[in-house]
């Protein structure tokens, strides 16, 4: 996937801005590297969103079992059984619950198990929950009430995040279109009036102009990516 994307990007860029096989080989390493970084970040964001959603459902179910009178240990066991019967066995949240259940069977503190989970996930919601859980357990607070409030806060945060994604979806589409326009315009002119851009593919000045255009296109893409990314 990454290799194919990198090769495709190098071919498109080399043909559009240089019409040179040598340019393709020069652009291939940075194109593959950029594809690796970009796609890795996209995949990470998807995994993070999936884990956040699964964690939200998990603590919501945990809150329900606690309200029904289950102990904390039994509530975790019931949530695990519920996800086993309804979910994918390769689910990240399911694997983490299995680790917690195993730790409980070995008489480890639940707050320590949650802290380890938060450390592995690097998810802010999970870190906050683990911290609040530990403080509440240490001070003898009402765990049912605290978890119920935490579920409510995380749900509100998820709703705000979804609203932001909806609001920026159109902007992201515009960003993709604006990034593609220089490639489309140059390709269209090359097809309809190839000799018009011929001077830009020859000589130091012409190649310098095309290189500057390529740099500005890349810079505008990176800037727009930064502007549309809003963390909650």
Protein backbone atom coordinates (compact mmCIF):
# COMPACT_ATOMS: atom_id res chain seq x y z
CA UNK A 1 0.00 0.00 0.00
CA UNK A 2 2.68 2.50 1.05
CA UNK A 3 5.02 1.45 -1.78
CA UNK A 4 2.28 1.70 -4.41
CA UNK A 5 1.19 5.12 -3.12
CA UNK A 6 4.79 6.36 -3.12
CA UNK A 7 5.45 5.13 -6.65
CA UNK A 8 2.20 6.66 -7.89
CA UNK A 9 3.04 10.00 -6.26
CA UNK A 10 6.53 9.96 -7.76
CA UNK A 11 5.20 9.16 -11.25
CA UNK A 12 2.55 11.88 -11.06
CA UNK A 13 4.97 14.51 -9.75
CA UNK A 14 7.80 13.64 -12.13
CA UNK A 15 5.54 13.69 -15.19
CA UNK A 16 3.61 16.82 -14.19
CA UNK A 17 6.52 19.01 -13.14
CA UNK A 18 9.55 17.61 -14.96
CA UNK A 19 8.62 15.09 -17.69
CA UNK A 20 11.80 13.28 -16.77
CA UNK A 21 12.64 9.68 -15.92
CA UNK A 22 15.62 10.91 -13.89
CA UNK A 23 13.25 13.11 -11.86
CA UNK A 24 11.12 10.04 -11.13
CA UNK A 25 14.07 8.18 -9.58
CA UNK A 26 15.12 11.29 -7.64
CA UNK A 27 11.58 11.83 -6.32
CA UNK A 28 10.89 8.18 -5.55
CA UNK A 29 12.64 7.98 -2.11
CA UNK A 30 11.03 11.18 -0.69
CA UNK A 31 7.65 10.18 -2.18
CA UNK A 32 7.77 6.78 -0.47
CA UNK A 33 8.94 8.38 2.78
CA UNK A 34 6.13 10.96 2.65
CA UNK A 35 3.57 8.23 1.87
CA UNK A 36 4.85 6.20 4.82
CA UNK A 37 4.56 9.13 7.24
CA UNK A 38 1.19 10.32 5.90
CA UNK A 39 -0.50 6.91 5.73
CA UNK A 40 0.95 5.86 9.09
CA UNK A 41 -0.60 8.95 10.67
CA UNK A 42 -3.97 8.29 8.99
CA UNK A 43 -3.97 4.66 10.17
CA UNK A 44 -2.97 5.78 13.68
CA UNK A 45 -5.86 8.24 13.78
CA UNK A 46 -8.30 5.52 12.72
CA UNK A 47 -6.99 3.11 15.35
CA UNK A 48 -7.18 5.88 17.97
CA UNK A 49 -10.76 6.72 17.02
CA UNK A 50 -11.74 3.02 17.12
CA UNK A 51 -10.11 2.52 20.52
CA UNK A 52 -11.79 5.65 21.92
CA UNK A 53 -15.17 4.46 20.70
CA UNK A 54 -14.67 0.95 22.09
CA UNK A 55 -13.40 2.31 25.42
CA UNK A 56 -16.43 4.59 25.68
CA UNK A 57 -18.75 1.61 25.13
CA UNK A 58 -16.76 -0.47 27.62
CA UNK A 59 -16.93 1.95 30.54
CA UNK A 60 -20.59 2.64 29.72
CA UNK A 61 -21.27 -1.09 30.11
CA UNK A 62 -19.09 -1.12 33.23
CA UNK A 63 -21.18 1.68 34.71
CA UNK A 64 -24.37 -0.29 33.97
CA UNK A 65 -23.09 -3.41 35.74
CA UNK A 66 -21.90 -1.40 38.74
CA UNK A 67 -25.32 0.25 39.01
CA UNK A 68 -26.86 -3.23 38.96
CA UNK A 69 -24.87 -4.12 42.09
CA UNK A 70 -21.90 -5.99 40.64
CA UNK A 71 -18.52 -5.61 42.28
CA UNK A 72 -15.80 -3.92 40.24
CA UNK A 73 -14.04 -7.22 39.53
CA UNK A 74 -17.23 -8.98 38.46
CA UNK A 75 -18.30 -5.97 36.40
CA UNK A 76 -15.06 -6.16 34.38
CA UNK A 77 -15.61 -9.90 33.88
CA UNK A 78 -19.17 -9.35 32.65
CA UNK A 79 -18.08 -6.59 30.26
CA UNK A 80 -15.39 -8.91 28.90
CA UNK A 81 -17.91 -11.73 28.35
CA UNK A 82 -20.29 -9.31 26.67
CA UNK A 83 -17.63 -8.07 24.24
CA UNK A 84 -16.47 -11.64 23.57
CA UNK A 85 -19.98 -12.65 22.53
CA UNK A 86 -20.61 -9.53 20.44
CA UNK A 87 -17.23 -8.42 19.11
CA UNK A 88 -14.23 -9.37 17.05
CA UNK A 89 -11.70 -11.52 18.85
CA UNK A 90 -8.91 -9.40 17.38
CA UNK A 91 -10.42 -6.25 18.88
CA UNK A 92 -7.82 -4.11 20.70
CA UNK A 93 -10.21 -3.31 23.54
CA UNK A 94 -11.04 -6.98 23.94
CA UNK A 95 -7.34 -7.84 24.24
CA UNK A 96 -6.84 -5.13 26.84
CA UNK A 97 -9.82 -6.38 28.83
CA UNK A 98 -8.33 -9.88 28.74
CA UNK A 99 -5.11 -8.47 30.24
CA UNK A 100 -7.10 -6.72 32.97
CA UNK A 101 -9.12 -9.87 33.76
CA UNK A 102 -5.94 -11.93 33.95
CA UNK A 103 -4.36 -9.33 36.24
CA UNK A 104 -7.41 -9.39 38.52
CA UNK A 105 -7.15 -13.19 38.74
CA UNK A 106 -3.54 -12.70 39.88
CA UNK A 107 -4.71 -10.29 42.62
CA UNK A 108 -3.24 -7.19 41.01
CA UNK A 109 -4.77 -3.80 41.79
CA UNK A 110 -7.30 -2.69 39.18
CA UNK A 111 -5.95 0.87 39.30
CA UNK A 112 -2.49 -0.43 38.44
CA UNK A 113 -3.89 -2.50 35.56
CA UNK A 114 -5.77 0.53 34.23
CA UNK A 115 -2.66 2.68 34.55
CA UNK A 116 -0.70 0.15 32.50
CA UNK A 117 -3.48 0.09 29.89
CA UNK A 118 -3.43 3.88 29.68
CA UNK A 119 0.34 3.85 29.27
CA UNK A 120 0.15 1.33 26.42
CA UNK A 121 -2.65 3.13 24.61
CA UNK A 122 -1.43 6.75 24.96
CA UNK A 123 -5.11 7.71 24.76
CA UNK A 124 -6.07 10.83 26.72
CA UNK A 125 -9.53 9.55 27.66
CA UNK A 126 -8.09 6.31 29.03
CA UNK A 127 -5.34 8.18 30.89
CA UNK A 128 -7.91 10.49 32.48
CA UNK A 129 -10.15 7.59 33.46
CA UNK A 130 -7.24 5.64 34.98
CA UNK A 131 -6.17 8.72 36.98
CA UNK A 132 -9.72 9.44 38.24
CA UNK A 133 -10.27 5.77 39.05
CA UNK A 134 -7.06 5.61 41.11
CA UNK A 135 -7.87 8.81 43.03
CA UNK A 136 -11.44 7.69 43.75
CA UNK A 137 -10.34 4.21 44.87
CA UNK A 138 -7.63 5.66 47.10
CA UNK A 139 -9.97 8.16 48.75
CA UNK A 140 -12.90 5.78 49.09
CA UNK A 141 -15.21 7.75 46.80
CA UNK A 142 -18.45 6.59 45.19
CA UNK A 143 -17.05 4.63 42.23
CA UNK A 144 -20.46 4.17 40.58
CA UNK A 145 -21.15 7.89 40.54
CA UNK A 146 -17.64 8.79 39.40
CA UNK A 147 -17.70 6.31 36.51
CA UNK A 148 -21.19 7.43 35.46
CA UNK A 149 -20.00 11.06 35.35
CA UNK A 150 -16.87 10.06 33.47
CA UNK A 151 -18.98 8.24 30.87
CA UNK A 152 -21.12 11.36 30.46
CA UNK A 153 -18.07 13.60 30.00
CA UNK A 154 -16.45 11.26 27.45
CA UNK A 155 -19.73 11.03 25.52
CA UNK A 156 -19.97 14.83 25.42
CA UNK A 157 -16.39 15.03 24.18
CA UNK A 158 -17.13 12.43 21.48
CA UNK A 159 -20.17 14.45 20.37
CA UNK A 160 -18.08 17.62 20.09
CA UNK A 161 -15.39 15.74 18.14
CA UNK A 162 -18.00 14.40 15.71
CA UNK A 163 -19.46 17.90 15.26
CA UNK A 164 -15.99 19.23 14.44
CA UNK A 165 -15.37 16.41 11.95
CA UNK A 166 -18.70 17.13 10.29
CA UNK A 167 -17.94 20.85 10.13
CA UNK A 168 -14.46 20.32 8.65
CA UNK A 169 -15.47 17.56 6.20
CA UNK A 170 -16.30 20.12 3.52
CA UNK A 171 -13.03 21.97 4.19
CA UNK A 172 -11.07 18.72 3.79
CA UNK A 173 -12.79 18.08 0.47
CA UNK A 174 -11.89 21.60 -0.67
CA UNK A 175 -8.31 20.98 0.46
CA UNK A 176 -8.08 17.86 -1.71
CA UNK A 177 -9.52 19.70 -4.69
CA UNK A 178 -7.15 22.67 -4.29
CA UNK A 179 -4.16 20.32 -4.02
CA UNK A 180 -5.21 18.50 -7.20
CA UNK A 181 -5.85 21.66 -9.24
CA UNK A 182 -2.16 22.41 -10.13
CA UNK A 183 -1.68 18.84 -11.38
CA UNK A 184 -4.91 18.96 -13.37
CA UNK A 185 -4.15 22.37 -14.91
CA UNK A 186 -0.64 21.41 -16.01
CA UNK A 187 -1.87 18.07 -17.38
CA UNK A 188 -4.71 19.80 -19.27
CA UNK A 189 -2.37 22.40 -20.81
CA UNK A 190 0.12 19.68 -21.77
CA UNK A 191 -2.61 17.72 -23.53
CA UNK A 192 -4.30 20.65 -25.24
CA UNK A 193 -1.25 22.85 -25.96
CA UNK A 194 1.89 20.89 -25.18
CA UNK A 195 4.27 23.41 -26.74
CA UNK A 196 2.97 26.19 -24.47
CA UNK A 197 4.72 24.79 -21.40
CA UNK A 198 7.69 23.34 -23.24
CA UNK A 199 10.13 26.07 -22.06
CA UNK A 200 9.37 25.14 -18.44
CA UNK A 201 10.72 21.62 -18.98
CA UNK A 202 14.02 22.79 -20.42
CA UNK A 203 16.88 24.82 -19.04
CA UNK A 204 17.76 25.91 -15.55
CA UNK A 205 15.16 28.68 -15.33
CA UNK A 206 12.27 26.54 -16.54
CA UNK A 207 13.06 23.67 -14.19
CA UNK A 208 13.60 26.16 -11.38
CA UNK A 209 10.11 27.60 -11.92
CA UNK A 210 8.56 24.12 -11.92
CA UNK A 211 10.50 23.18 -8.78
CA UNK A 212 9.25 26.33 -7.06
CA UNK A 213 5.69 25.45 -8.11
CA UNK A 214 6.12 21.93 -6.72
CA UNK A 215 7.48 23.26 -3.41
CA UNK A 216 4.58 25.72 -3.06
CA UNK A 217 2.06 22.98 -3.85
CA UNK A 218 3.57 20.70 -1.20
CA UNK A 219 3.81 23.52 1.35
CA UNK A 220 0.17 24.52 0.80
CA UNK A 221 -0.91 20.90 1.30
CA UNK A 222 1.02 20.56 4.58
CA UNK A 223 -0.28 23.92 5.82
CA UNK A 224 -3.87 23.05 5.00
CA UNK A 225 -3.47 19.68 6.76
CA UNK A 226 -2.35 21.50 9.88
CA UNK A 227 -5.18 24.03 9.71
CA UNK A 228 -8.00 21.49 9.39
CA UNK A 229 -6.69 19.30 12.21
CA UNK A 230 -8.38 20.31 15.46
CA UNK A 231 -7.72 18.36 18.65
CA UNK A 232 -10.40 18.24 21.34
